[in-house]
């Protein structure tokens, strides 16, 4: 498990490109036949991936968690962005096709990941936060999610937002999770931007054409910087930072949040004219 310590807004302004990438960007997840994890001190976030290619991959605890098993004091969201696969939780099997989402509640002891076809493996994106209450493990199929349509072709941000784990969907303690699909010809996400000091946010970019990139905007509204992000890379966004982006081609991203509340609309908006 890799350990990441976040910079504050003061140190951020003195960081060069390499320092920004080392601090806020997670690369080299989704290794075939492996489970990968990163522990971020911001809201005690754990970000990971599981790509089963042969036998099942078992979710093991890590010494840094100081727990008898991984989800002893945690909850987890799972989003499949690859081939069909299954997640087995305490003996119960949940089959996930691409864009199906699973919530795993605190106290789940035995968790494993399997692909239906090793040649076209599932790619499970994992996001975990501490939990002080148990909620039942449950899943939702992509076909059963109701999208919220936002943006327009005129502003290059026509998109559909799918909420999966939130107070009116799959129940959780503090995790909020969903994903956004941009229409062909649309490239901007989360613009106009916002901040929310009450929750940190994690952006996982996927379905990014290998020849293309996403320019992720971050930082305080009056002192922005950017990260160049490739397919299946993750950006951690502190509460003081905007989180918006534009791609050289349309793409998809998963957003996940943990913090003080689960109100999706709890945000402090920033106008485009305020950005610097």
Protein backbone atom coordinates (compact mmCIF):
# COMPACT_ATOMS: atom_id res chain seq x y z
CA UNK A 1 0.00 0.00 0.00
CA UNK A 2 1.50 3.31 -1.11
CA UNK A 3 1.19 6.21 1.32
CA UNK A 4 0.35 9.76 0.20
CA UNK A 5 0.43 12.92 2.31
CA UNK A 6 -1.53 15.84 0.92
CA UNK A 7 -0.15 19.35 0.64
CA UNK A 8 -2.09 22.33 1.98
CA UNK A 9 -3.02 25.40 -0.06
CA UNK A 10 0.13 27.24 1.09
CA UNK A 11 2.64 24.58 0.06
CA UNK A 12 0.68 23.91 -3.14
CA UNK A 13 1.57 27.32 -4.60
CA UNK A 14 5.31 26.53 -4.36
CA UNK A 15 5.12 23.13 -6.08
CA UNK A 16 6.45 22.43 -9.57
CA UNK A 17 4.87 20.03 -12.05
CA UNK A 18 6.69 16.96 -10.77
CA UNK A 19 5.80 17.76 -7.14
CA UNK A 20 2.14 18.30 -8.04
CA UNK A 21 2.02 14.95 -9.84
CA UNK A 22 3.79 13.10 -7.02
CA UNK A 23 1.34 14.51 -4.46
CA UNK A 24 -2.07 14.63 -6.14
CA UNK A 25 -1.90 12.09 -9.02
CA UNK A 26 -2.02 8.30 -8.68
CA UNK A 27 -0.51 6.38 -11.57
CA UNK A 28 0.15 2.71 -12.35
CA UNK A 29 -3.00 1.25 -10.86
CA UNK A 30 -4.78 -1.63 -12.66
CA UNK A 31 -1.94 -4.12 -12.90
CA UNK A 32 -3.01 -7.50 -14.37
CA UNK A 33 -3.40 -10.16 -11.70
CA UNK A 34 -2.91 -7.70 -8.84
CA UNK A 35 -4.73 -5.64 -6.21
CA UNK A 36 -3.17 -2.19 -5.81
CA UNK A 37 -3.87 0.32 -3.03
CA UNK A 38 -2.87 3.84 -2.03
CA UNK A 39 -3.59 5.30 1.41
CA UNK A 40 -4.16 9.08 1.41
CA UNK A 41 -4.06 10.89 4.74
CA UNK A 42 -6.79 13.27 3.52
CA UNK A 43 -9.99 11.92 5.13
CA UNK A 44 -8.15 8.57 5.47
CA UNK A 45 -9.01 7.71 1.87
CA UNK A 46 -7.96 4.39 0.38
CA UNK A 47 -7.93 4.21 -3.43
CA UNK A 48 -7.32 0.97 -5.26
CA UNK A 49 -7.83 -1.42 -8.14
CA UNK A 50 -8.26 -5.14 -8.71
CA UNK A 51 -7.64 -6.85 -12.06
CA UNK A 52 -8.19 -10.60 -11.66
CA UNK A 53 -6.72 -12.53 -14.60
CA UNK A 54 -6.36 -16.05 -13.20
CA UNK A 55 -7.51 -17.22 -9.80
CA UNK A 56 -9.58 -15.00 -7.53
CA UNK A 57 -7.90 -12.02 -5.89
CA UNK A 58 -8.59 -11.85 -2.16
CA UNK A 59 -8.91 -8.53 -0.36
CA UNK A 60 -6.25 -8.66 2.34
CA UNK A 61 -5.72 -6.18 5.14
CA UNK A 62 -2.57 -4.09 5.33
CA UNK A 63 -0.35 -3.34 8.30
CA UNK A 64 -0.94 0.39 7.83
CA UNK A 65 -4.67 -0.10 8.53
CA UNK A 66 -4.02 -1.67 11.95
CA UNK A 67 -7.10 -3.84 11.38
CA UNK A 68 -7.74 -7.58 11.59
CA UNK A 69 -9.39 -7.41 8.16
CA UNK A 70 -9.64 -4.67 5.55
CA UNK A 71 -13.24 -3.61 6.16
CA UNK A 72 -13.21 -3.98 9.94
CA UNK A 73 -13.72 -0.20 10.31
CA UNK A 74 -14.24 0.75 6.66
CA UNK A 75 -16.74 0.74 3.81
CA UNK A 76 -15.95 0.41 0.11
CA UNK A 77 -17.36 1.32 -3.28
CA UNK A 78 -16.55 -0.84 -6.31
CA UNK A 79 -17.04 0.26 -9.93
CA UNK A 80 -16.27 -2.14 -12.77
CA UNK A 81 -14.76 -0.40 -15.81
CA UNK A 82 -13.67 -3.56 -17.67
CA UNK A 83 -15.02 -6.96 -18.65
CA UNK A 84 -17.63 -8.91 -16.72
CA UNK A 85 -16.54 -10.01 -13.28
CA UNK A 86 -17.80 -10.95 -9.84
CA UNK A 87 -17.19 -9.76 -6.30
CA UNK A 88 -17.79 -12.34 -3.60
CA UNK A 89 -18.61 -10.83 -0.19
CA UNK A 90 -18.87 -13.23 2.75
CA UNK A 91 -20.04 -16.01 0.44
CA UNK A 92 -22.52 -13.95 -1.61
CA UNK A 93 -21.67 -13.35 -5.28
CA UNK A 94 -22.38 -10.08 -7.07
CA UNK A 95 -21.84 -10.11 -10.86
CA UNK A 96 -20.76 -6.77 -12.28
CA UNK A 97 -20.70 -5.82 -15.94
CA UNK A 98 -19.08 -2.59 -17.06
CA UNK A 99 -20.37 0.45 -15.11
CA UNK A 100 -22.18 -1.65 -12.51
CA UNK A 101 -21.48 -0.44 -8.97
CA UNK A 102 -21.26 -2.31 -5.66
CA UNK A 103 -21.29 -1.00 -2.09
CA UNK A 104 -19.57 -3.19 0.52
CA UNK A 105 -20.50 -2.40 4.10
CA UNK A 106 -18.33 -2.21 7.20
CA UNK A 107 -17.71 -5.54 8.86
CA UNK A 108 -17.50 -7.58 5.64
CA UNK A 109 -14.67 -10.05 6.29
CA UNK A 110 -14.12 -12.15 3.18
CA UNK A 111 -14.02 -10.26 -0.13
CA UNK A 112 -12.61 -11.57 -3.41
CA UNK A 113 -12.60 -10.49 -7.04
CA UNK A 114 -12.99 -12.75 -10.10
CA UNK A 115 -13.12 -12.20 -13.87
CA UNK A 116 -15.52 -14.13 -16.08
CA UNK A 117 -12.90 -14.21 -18.86
CA UNK A 118 -9.21 -13.87 -18.07
CA UNK A 119 -8.60 -12.62 -21.62
CA UNK A 120 -11.05 -9.74 -21.05
CA UNK A 121 -10.69 -9.18 -17.30
CA UNK A 122 -12.82 -7.06 -15.06
CA UNK A 123 -11.17 -3.82 -13.96
CA UNK A 124 -12.51 -3.03 -10.50
CA UNK A 125 -11.96 0.51 -9.21
CA UNK A 126 -12.02 0.60 -5.40
CA UNK A 127 -12.67 3.55 -3.10
CA UNK A 128 -12.82 3.20 0.68
CA UNK A 129 -13.39 5.48 3.67
CA UNK A 130 -13.67 4.89 7.42
CA UNK A 131 -17.20 4.08 8.57
CA UNK A 132 -18.80 4.39 12.00
CA UNK A 133 -22.00 2.56 11.05
CA UNK A 134 -22.80 -0.61 9.14
CA UNK A 135 -24.95 -0.57 6.01
CA UNK A 136 -25.85 -3.67 3.98
CA UNK A 137 -23.76 -4.68 0.99
CA UNK A 138 -25.75 -3.98 -2.20
CA UNK A 139 -25.24 -3.32 -5.88
CA UNK A 140 -26.87 -1.34 -8.66
CA UNK A 141 -26.76 -2.12 -12.36
CA UNK A 142 -25.87 0.60 -14.85
CA UNK A 143 -29.19 -0.01 -16.63
CA UNK A 144 -31.08 0.76 -13.42
CA UNK A 145 -29.42 4.13 -12.79
CA UNK A 146 -31.31 7.29 -13.77
CA UNK A 147 -28.96 9.89 -15.26
CA UNK A 148 -29.07 13.63 -14.69
CA UNK A 149 -28.45 15.41 -18.00
CA UNK A 150 -26.41 18.60 -17.83
CA UNK A 151 -24.54 20.96 -20.13
CA UNK A 152 -24.91 21.55 -23.84
CA UNK A 153 -23.07 21.08 -27.11
CA UNK A 154 -22.72 24.86 -27.32
CA UNK A 155 -20.50 24.90 -24.22
CA UNK A 156 -18.81 21.55 -25.06
CA UNK A 157 -20.00 19.92 -21.82
CA UNK A 158 -23.08 17.85 -22.64
CA UNK A 159 -22.94 15.01 -20.13
CA UNK A 160 -24.89 12.49 -18.09
CA UNK A 161 -24.29 12.15 -14.35
CA UNK A 162 -25.03 8.81 -12.71
CA UNK A 163 -25.29 8.73 -8.91
CA UNK A 164 -24.82 5.26 -7.42
CA UNK A 165 -23.81 5.47 -3.75
CA UNK A 166 -25.56 8.44 -2.12
CA UNK A 167 -28.30 9.19 0.36
CA UNK A 168 -31.11 8.43 -2.13
CA UNK A 169 -29.38 5.42 -3.70
CA UNK A 170 -27.12 2.74 -2.26
CA UNK A 171 -26.87 3.60 1.44
CA UNK A 172 -23.49 4.28 3.03
CA UNK A 173 -21.97 5.90 6.08
CA UNK A 174 -20.00 8.70 4.38
CA UNK A 175 -19.01 7.46 0.91
CA UNK A 176 -20.64 9.18 -2.08
CA UNK A 177 -19.82 7.74 -5.50
CA UNK A 178 -20.95 7.91 -9.11
CA UNK A 179 -19.66 8.64 -12.58
CA UNK A 180 -20.10 11.05 -15.48
CA UNK A 181 -20.30 10.19 -19.19
CA UNK A 182 -19.41 12.93 -21.65
CA UNK A 183 -21.09 12.90 -25.05
CA UNK A 184 -18.94 12.76 -28.21
CA UNK A 185 -17.89 16.30 -29.06
CA UNK A 186 -18.09 17.36 -25.40
CA UNK A 187 -14.90 17.69 -23.39
CA UNK A 188 -15.46 19.84 -20.29
CA UNK A 189 -16.40 18.45 -16.90
CA UNK A 190 -17.45 20.34 -13.77
CA UNK A 191 -17.27 23.75 -15.40
CA UNK A 192 -18.19 26.21 -13.89
CA UNK A 193 -16.22 24.66 -11.01
CA UNK A 194 -16.80 24.58 -7.28
CA UNK A 195 -15.11 23.75 -3.98
CA UNK A 196 -16.47 22.12 -0.84
CA UNK A 197 -14.38 22.25 2.34
CA UNK A 198 -16.68 19.73 3.98
CA UNK A 199 -15.66 16.89 1.65
CA UNK A 200 -12.57 15.82 -0.24
CA UNK A 201 -13.09 14.31 -3.69
CA UNK A 202 -11.37 11.72 -5.83
CA UNK A 203 -11.52 11.78 -9.65
CA UNK A 204 -10.81 8.54 -11.52
CA UNK A 205 -10.51 9.09 -15.28
CA UNK A 206 -11.17 6.13 -17.58
CA UNK A 207 -12.17 5.35 -21.17
CA UNK A 208 -9.55 7.91 -22.16
CA UNK A 209 -8.22 7.16 -25.65
CA UNK A 210 -4.56 6.06 -25.22
CA UNK A 211 -3.47 8.74 -27.67
CA UNK A 212 -5.34 11.47 -25.79
CA UNK A 213 -5.21 13.12 -22.36
CA UNK A 214 -7.35 15.04 -19.89
CA UNK A 215 -6.16 18.39 -18.55
CA UNK A 216 -7.37 18.41 -14.93
CA UNK A 217 -7.63 21.85 -13.33
CA UNK A 218 -6.95 22.10 -9.61
CA UNK A 219 -6.06 24.54 -6.85
CA UNK A 220 -7.78 27.56 -5.27
CA UNK A 221 -9.97 29.42 -7.79
CA UNK A 222 -7.54 32.35 -7.87
CA UNK A 223 -4.36 30.23 -8.18
CA UNK A 224 -5.07 27.29 -10.46
CA UNK A 225 -2.66 24.69 -11.79
CA UNK A 226 -3.17 21.65 -13.95
CA UNK A 227 -2.32 17.97 -14.22
CA UNK A 228 -2.10 16.05 -17.50
CA UNK A 229 -3.97 12.79 -16.87
CA UNK A 230 -3.94 9.55 -18.87
CA UNK A 231 -6.36 6.62 -18.92
CA UNK A 232 -7.09 4.96 -15.55
CA UNK A 233 -5.29 7.59 -13.50
CA UNK A 234 -6.65 9.21 -10.34
CA UNK A 235 -6.54 12.78 -8.99
CA UNK A 236 -7.08 13.51 -5.29
CA UNK A 237 -8.83 16.85 -4.70
CA UNK A 238 -8.71 18.54 -1.26
CA UNK A 239 -11.67 20.61 -0.12
CA UNK A 240 -9.92 23.89 -0.99
CA UNK A 241 -9.30 22.87 -4.59
CA UNK A 242 -11.50 23.08 -7.65
CA UNK A 243 -11.78 19.87 -9.66
CA UNK A 244 -12.60 20.36 -13.31
CA UNK A 245 -11.11 19.25 -16.57
CA UNK A 246 -11.10 19.19 -20.33
CA UNK A 247 -10.01 16.37 -22.60
CA UNK A 248 -8.58 16.27 -26.08
CA UNK A 249 -11.41 13.79 -26.73
CA UNK A 250 -14.48 12.75 -24.75
CA UNK A 251 -13.89 10.41 -21.78
CA UNK A 252 -15.57 9.13 -18.62
CA UNK A 253 -14.73 9.69 -14.97
CA UNK A 254 -15.80 8.38 -11.59
CA UNK A 255 -16.20 10.86 -8.76
CA UNK A 256 -16.11 9.79 -5.14
CA UNK A 257 -16.35 11.81 -1.94
CA UNK A 258 -15.95 11.35 1.78
CA UNK A 259 -16.21 13.85 4.59
CA UNK A 260 -18.76 15.66 6.69
CA UNK A 261 -21.99 15.01 4.78
CA UNK A 262 -23.58 13.20 1.84
CA UNK A 263 -25.41 16.15 0.30
CA UNK A 264 -24.43 16.00 -3.38
CA UNK A 265 -25.47 19.63 -3.86
CA UNK A 266 -23.31 20.91 -0.98
CA UNK A 267 -20.82 22.99 -2.93
CA UNK A 268 -19.53 26.54 -3.10
CA UNK A 269 -19.79 27.62 -6.72
CA UNK A 270 -17.13 29.57 -8.58
CA UNK A 271 -17.90 31.54 -11.72
CA UNK A 272 -15.69 31.12 -14.75
CA UNK A 273 -14.81 34.82 -14.58
CA UNK A 274 -13.34 34.34 -11.09
CA UNK A 275 -10.75 31.80 -12.21
CA UNK A 276 -7.09 32.78 -12.34
